[in-house]
Every structure is written in C-alpha cells, then in structure tokens.
C-alpha cells in the first residue's frame, strides 16, 4: 500500500480515495443567456474549456438534471477552433 499525505486523502461514501493531481492549465467558463431578455436560460448549464500546458483543449459541458445533479460531457477540441489568451 502506498503512503499518501493526509491532505490528498478524501472520504467518499465511507471509503478513502486519493485526490491525484493530473495536470494544470488555463480555462474559461461560460453560461448561456437569452439574447432578448439577458436572463440565464437554465441555471447551472455551463461550458468549461480547458487548455493544458501541452496545448491540448477539452470542452466540458455541465448540464443540470431534474434531480439537482449534473450530467457532464467531455470533448477534445481542436486548438484551431478556439484560442485562449
């Protein structure tokens, strides 16, 4: 068994798990509003675009469900489509 610092250990559903750092980068996060009213279309519906230090982009859609949880969809996208500055 590996010994991890206590700061890395989390308790989830009664079981221990290690929070392992995978990579770092930059990100943008946006939500969706109605162009006519300026009101948020659906609270919690957001998109996060992550650029890792290697230049790879991932697009994560967060979609709230009726039971107050979230569905997520993760896609790798081309850097030609989007440029984060």
N, C-alpha and C. Protein backbone atom coordinates (compact mmCIF):
# COMPACT_ATOMS: atom_id res chain seq x y z
N UNK A 1 0.84 -1.19 0.00
CA UNK A 1 0.00 0.00 0.00
C UNK A 1 0.88 1.24 0.00
N UNK A 2 0.52 2.23 -0.81
CA UNK A 2 1.26 3.48 -0.88
C UNK A 2 0.87 4.38 0.27
N UNK A 3 1.82 5.22 0.68
CA UNK A 3 1.55 6.20 1.71
C UNK A 3 1.42 7.57 1.06
N UNK A 4 0.24 8.15 1.14
CA UNK A 4 -0.03 9.46 0.57
C UNK A 4 -0.20 10.46 1.71
N UNK A 5 0.17 11.73 1.50
CA UNK A 5 -0.04 12.74 2.53
C UNK A 5 -1.53 12.84 2.88
N UNK A 6 -1.82 13.14 4.12
CA UNK A 6 -3.22 13.20 4.56
C UNK A 6 -4.01 14.26 3.79
N UNK A 7 -3.33 15.31 3.27
CA UNK A 7 -4.02 16.35 2.51
C UNK A 7 -4.59 15.82 1.20
N UNK A 8 -4.09 14.68 0.74
CA UNK A 8 -4.55 14.09 -0.54
C UNK A 8 -5.67 13.09 -0.36
N UNK A 9 -5.97 12.72 0.87
CA UNK A 9 -6.96 11.68 1.13
C UNK A 9 -8.34 12.31 1.32
N UNK A 10 -9.32 11.78 0.62
CA UNK A 10 -10.71 12.22 0.76
C UNK A 10 -11.56 11.02 1.15
N UNK A 11 -12.68 11.28 1.78
CA UNK A 11 -13.61 10.23 2.16
C UNK A 11 -14.85 10.36 1.29
N UNK A 12 -15.17 9.32 0.53
CA UNK A 12 -16.31 9.33 -0.37
C UNK A 12 -17.14 8.08 -0.15
N UNK A 13 -18.37 8.26 0.29
CA UNK A 13 -19.27 7.14 0.58
C UNK A 13 -18.63 6.13 1.54
N UNK A 14 -17.92 6.68 2.52
CA UNK A 14 -17.32 5.84 3.55
C UNK A 14 -16.00 5.20 3.17
N UNK A 15 -15.52 5.43 1.97
CA UNK A 15 -14.26 4.83 1.52
C UNK A 15 -13.23 5.92 1.26
N UNK A 16 -11.97 5.60 1.55
CA UNK A 16 -10.90 6.55 1.29
C UNK A 16 -10.53 6.53 -0.19
N UNK A 17 -10.21 7.72 -0.69
CA UNK A 17 -9.69 7.83 -2.05
C UNK A 17 -8.66 8.94 -2.08
N UNK A 18 -7.72 8.83 -3.01
CA UNK A 18 -6.65 9.81 -3.15
C UNK A 18 -7.02 10.80 -4.24
N UNK A 19 -6.90 12.09 -3.93
CA UNK A 19 -7.06 13.14 -4.95
C UNK A 19 -5.70 13.35 -5.59
N UNK A 20 -5.55 12.89 -6.82
CA UNK A 20 -4.28 12.88 -7.52
C UNK A 20 -4.23 14.00 -8.55
N UNK A 21 -3.25 14.88 -8.44
CA UNK A 21 -3.07 15.97 -9.40
C UNK A 21 -2.70 15.37 -10.75
N UNK A 22 -3.42 15.74 -11.80
CA UNK A 22 -3.20 15.17 -13.13
C UNK A 22 -2.45 16.15 -14.03
N UNK A 23 -2.94 17.37 -14.13
CA UNK A 23 -2.28 18.37 -14.97
C UNK A 23 -2.78 19.75 -14.60
N UNK A 24 -2.10 20.76 -15.08
CA UNK A 24 -2.53 22.14 -14.86
C UNK A 24 -2.67 22.83 -16.20
N UNK A 25 -3.35 23.96 -16.19
CA UNK A 25 -3.53 24.70 -17.43
C UNK A 25 -4.35 25.95 -17.17
N UNK A 26 -4.97 26.46 -18.22
CA UNK A 26 -5.85 27.62 -18.10
C UNK A 26 -7.24 27.21 -18.57
N UNK A 27 -8.23 27.98 -18.17
CA UNK A 27 -9.60 27.62 -18.55
C UNK A 27 -10.45 28.87 -18.71
N UNK A 28 -11.55 28.70 -19.42
CA UNK A 28 -12.62 29.69 -19.45
C UNK A 28 -13.91 28.95 -19.12
N UNK A 29 -14.83 29.67 -18.49
CA UNK A 29 -16.12 29.08 -18.13
C UNK A 29 -17.19 30.07 -18.55
N UNK A 30 -18.21 29.55 -19.22
CA UNK A 30 -19.30 30.44 -19.59
C UNK A 30 -20.65 29.77 -19.42
N UNK A 31 -21.67 30.63 -19.32
CA UNK A 31 -23.04 30.19 -19.15
C UNK A 31 -23.85 30.67 -20.36
N UNK A 32 -25.11 30.36 -20.39
CA UNK A 32 -25.94 30.68 -21.55
C UNK A 32 -27.08 31.61 -21.12
N UNK A 33 -27.27 32.71 -21.88
CA UNK A 33 -28.36 33.64 -21.59
C UNK A 33 -29.20 33.86 -22.84
N UNK A 34 -30.42 34.29 -22.63
CA UNK A 34 -31.33 34.62 -23.73
C UNK A 34 -30.90 35.97 -24.30
N UNK A 35 -30.68 36.07 -25.61
CA UNK A 35 -30.23 37.34 -26.19
C UNK A 35 -31.29 38.45 -26.10
N UNK A 36 -32.55 38.09 -25.98
CA UNK A 36 -33.61 39.09 -25.92
C UNK A 36 -33.81 39.66 -24.52
N UNK A 37 -33.73 38.80 -23.50
CA UNK A 37 -34.01 39.23 -22.13
C UNK A 37 -32.77 39.41 -21.27
N UNK A 38 -31.67 38.74 -21.64
CA UNK A 38 -30.47 38.77 -20.81
C UNK A 38 -30.54 37.84 -19.62
N UNK A 39 -31.63 37.08 -19.51
CA UNK A 39 -31.79 36.14 -18.40
C UNK A 39 -31.06 34.83 -18.69
N UNK A 40 -30.57 34.21 -17.62
CA UNK A 40 -29.94 32.90 -17.76
C UNK A 40 -30.97 31.91 -18.26
N UNK A 41 -30.61 31.13 -19.28
CA UNK A 41 -31.55 30.18 -19.88
C UNK A 41 -31.86 29.03 -18.94
N UNK A 42 -30.84 28.40 -18.37
CA UNK A 42 -31.05 27.31 -17.42
C UNK A 42 -29.95 27.40 -16.38
N UNK A 43 -30.32 27.65 -15.13
CA UNK A 43 -29.34 27.79 -14.07
C UNK A 43 -28.48 26.54 -13.98
N UNK A 44 -27.17 26.74 -13.96
CA UNK A 44 -26.25 25.62 -13.85
C UNK A 44 -25.75 25.09 -15.17
N UNK A 45 -26.40 25.44 -16.28
CA UNK A 45 -25.93 24.98 -17.59
C UNK A 45 -24.71 25.82 -17.95
N UNK A 46 -23.55 25.18 -18.02
CA UNK A 46 -22.31 25.89 -18.27
C UNK A 46 -21.39 25.07 -19.16
N UNK A 47 -20.43 25.75 -19.74
CA UNK A 47 -19.38 25.10 -20.51
C UNK A 47 -18.05 25.56 -19.96
N UNK A 48 -17.13 24.63 -19.80
CA UNK A 48 -15.78 24.93 -19.35
C UNK A 48 -14.83 24.44 -20.44
N UNK A 49 -13.94 25.31 -20.88
CA UNK A 49 -12.94 24.93 -21.87
C UNK A 49 -11.58 25.01 -21.19
N UNK A 50 -10.86 23.89 -21.23
CA UNK A 50 -9.59 23.77 -20.53
C UNK A 50 -8.47 23.63 -21.57
N UNK A 51 -7.39 24.37 -21.36
CA UNK A 51 -6.19 24.22 -22.18
C UNK A 51 -5.07 23.78 -21.25
N UNK A 52 -4.53 22.58 -21.49
CA UNK A 52 -3.44 22.13 -20.62
C UNK A 52 -2.12 22.76 -21.06
N UNK A 53 -1.09 22.58 -20.25
CA UNK A 53 0.21 23.18 -20.55
C UNK A 53 0.81 22.66 -21.86
N UNK A 54 0.34 21.52 -22.33
CA UNK A 54 0.81 20.96 -23.60
C UNK A 54 0.06 21.52 -24.81
N UNK A 55 -0.97 22.34 -24.60
CA UNK A 55 -1.71 22.95 -25.69
C UNK A 55 -2.96 22.19 -26.10
N UNK A 56 -3.29 21.10 -25.40
CA UNK A 56 -4.49 20.33 -25.73
C UNK A 56 -5.71 21.01 -25.11
N UNK A 57 -6.81 21.04 -25.86
CA UNK A 57 -8.05 21.64 -25.39
C UNK A 57 -9.08 20.56 -25.09
N UNK A 58 -9.84 20.75 -24.02
CA UNK A 58 -11.00 19.91 -23.72
C UNK A 58 -12.18 20.83 -23.45
N UNK A 59 -13.34 20.44 -23.92
CA UNK A 59 -14.56 21.20 -23.68
C UNK A 59 -15.48 20.34 -22.83
N UNK A 60 -15.88 20.87 -21.68
CA UNK A 60 -16.74 20.13 -20.76
C UNK A 60 -18.07 20.86 -20.65
N UNK A 61 -19.14 20.16 -20.97
CA UNK A 61 -20.49 20.70 -20.83
C UNK A 61 -21.05 20.22 -19.50
N UNK A 62 -21.56 21.13 -18.68
CA UNK A 62 -22.25 20.78 -17.44
C UNK A 62 -23.72 21.06 -17.64
N UNK A 63 -24.53 20.02 -17.52
CA UNK A 63 -25.96 20.14 -17.79
C UNK A 63 -26.72 19.70 -16.55
N UNK A 64 -27.46 20.62 -15.89
CA UNK A 64 -28.21 20.22 -14.70
C UNK A 64 -29.37 19.29 -15.07
N UNK A 65 -29.64 18.35 -14.19
CA UNK A 65 -30.76 17.42 -14.41
C UNK A 65 -31.90 17.77 -13.46
N UNK A 66 -33.03 17.14 -13.65
CA UNK A 66 -34.20 17.44 -12.82
C UNK A 66 -34.02 17.04 -11.36
N UNK A 67 -33.13 16.08 -11.08
CA UNK A 67 -32.93 15.65 -9.70
C UNK A 67 -31.81 16.43 -9.00
N UNK A 68 -31.47 17.61 -9.53
CA UNK A 68 -30.49 18.53 -8.95
C UNK A 68 -29.06 18.01 -8.98
N UNK A 69 -28.80 17.03 -9.83
CA UNK A 69 -27.42 16.61 -10.06
C UNK A 69 -27.02 17.13 -11.44
N UNK A 70 -25.88 16.73 -11.93
CA UNK A 70 -25.40 17.22 -13.22
C UNK A 70 -25.00 16.06 -14.12
N UNK A 71 -25.20 16.26 -15.40
CA UNK A 71 -24.65 15.38 -16.41
C UNK A 71 -23.51 16.16 -17.04
N UNK A 72 -22.40 15.49 -17.31
CA UNK A 72 -21.30 16.17 -17.97
C UNK A 72 -20.91 15.43 -19.23
N UNK A 73 -20.43 16.18 -20.18
CA UNK A 73 -19.98 15.63 -21.45
C UNK A 73 -18.64 16.28 -21.74
N UNK A 74 -17.62 15.47 -21.97
CA UNK A 74 -16.28 15.99 -22.19
C UNK A 74 -15.84 15.67 -23.61
N UNK A 75 -15.39 16.67 -24.33
CA UNK A 75 -14.93 16.51 -25.70
C UNK A 75 -13.55 17.12 -25.87
N UNK A 76 -12.71 16.47 -26.66
CA UNK A 76 -11.45 17.09 -27.03
C UNK A 76 -11.73 17.94 -28.27
N UNK A 77 -11.24 19.18 -28.26
CA UNK A 77 -11.50 20.05 -29.40
C UNK A 77 -10.18 20.55 -29.98
N UNK A 78 -10.24 20.97 -31.21
CA UNK A 78 -9.07 21.43 -31.93
C UNK A 78 -8.70 22.84 -31.50
N UNK A 79 -7.40 23.10 -31.35
CA UNK A 79 -6.98 24.45 -30.99
C UNK A 79 -7.19 25.43 -32.13
N UNK A 80 -7.42 24.93 -33.35
CA UNK A 80 -7.73 25.83 -34.45
C UNK A 80 -9.13 26.43 -34.29
N UNK A 81 -10.00 25.75 -33.55
CA UNK A 81 -11.37 26.22 -33.34
C UNK A 81 -11.41 27.33 -32.31
N UNK A 82 -10.54 27.26 -31.31
CA UNK A 82 -10.62 28.17 -30.17
C UNK A 82 -9.23 28.58 -29.74
N UNK A 83 -9.06 29.85 -29.40
CA UNK A 83 -7.79 30.32 -28.88
C UNK A 83 -8.04 30.99 -27.54
N UNK A 84 -7.43 30.46 -26.48
CA UNK A 84 -7.50 31.09 -25.16
C UNK A 84 -6.29 31.99 -25.02
N UNK A 85 -6.53 33.20 -24.54
CA UNK A 85 -5.41 34.12 -24.36
C UNK A 85 -5.35 34.60 -22.94
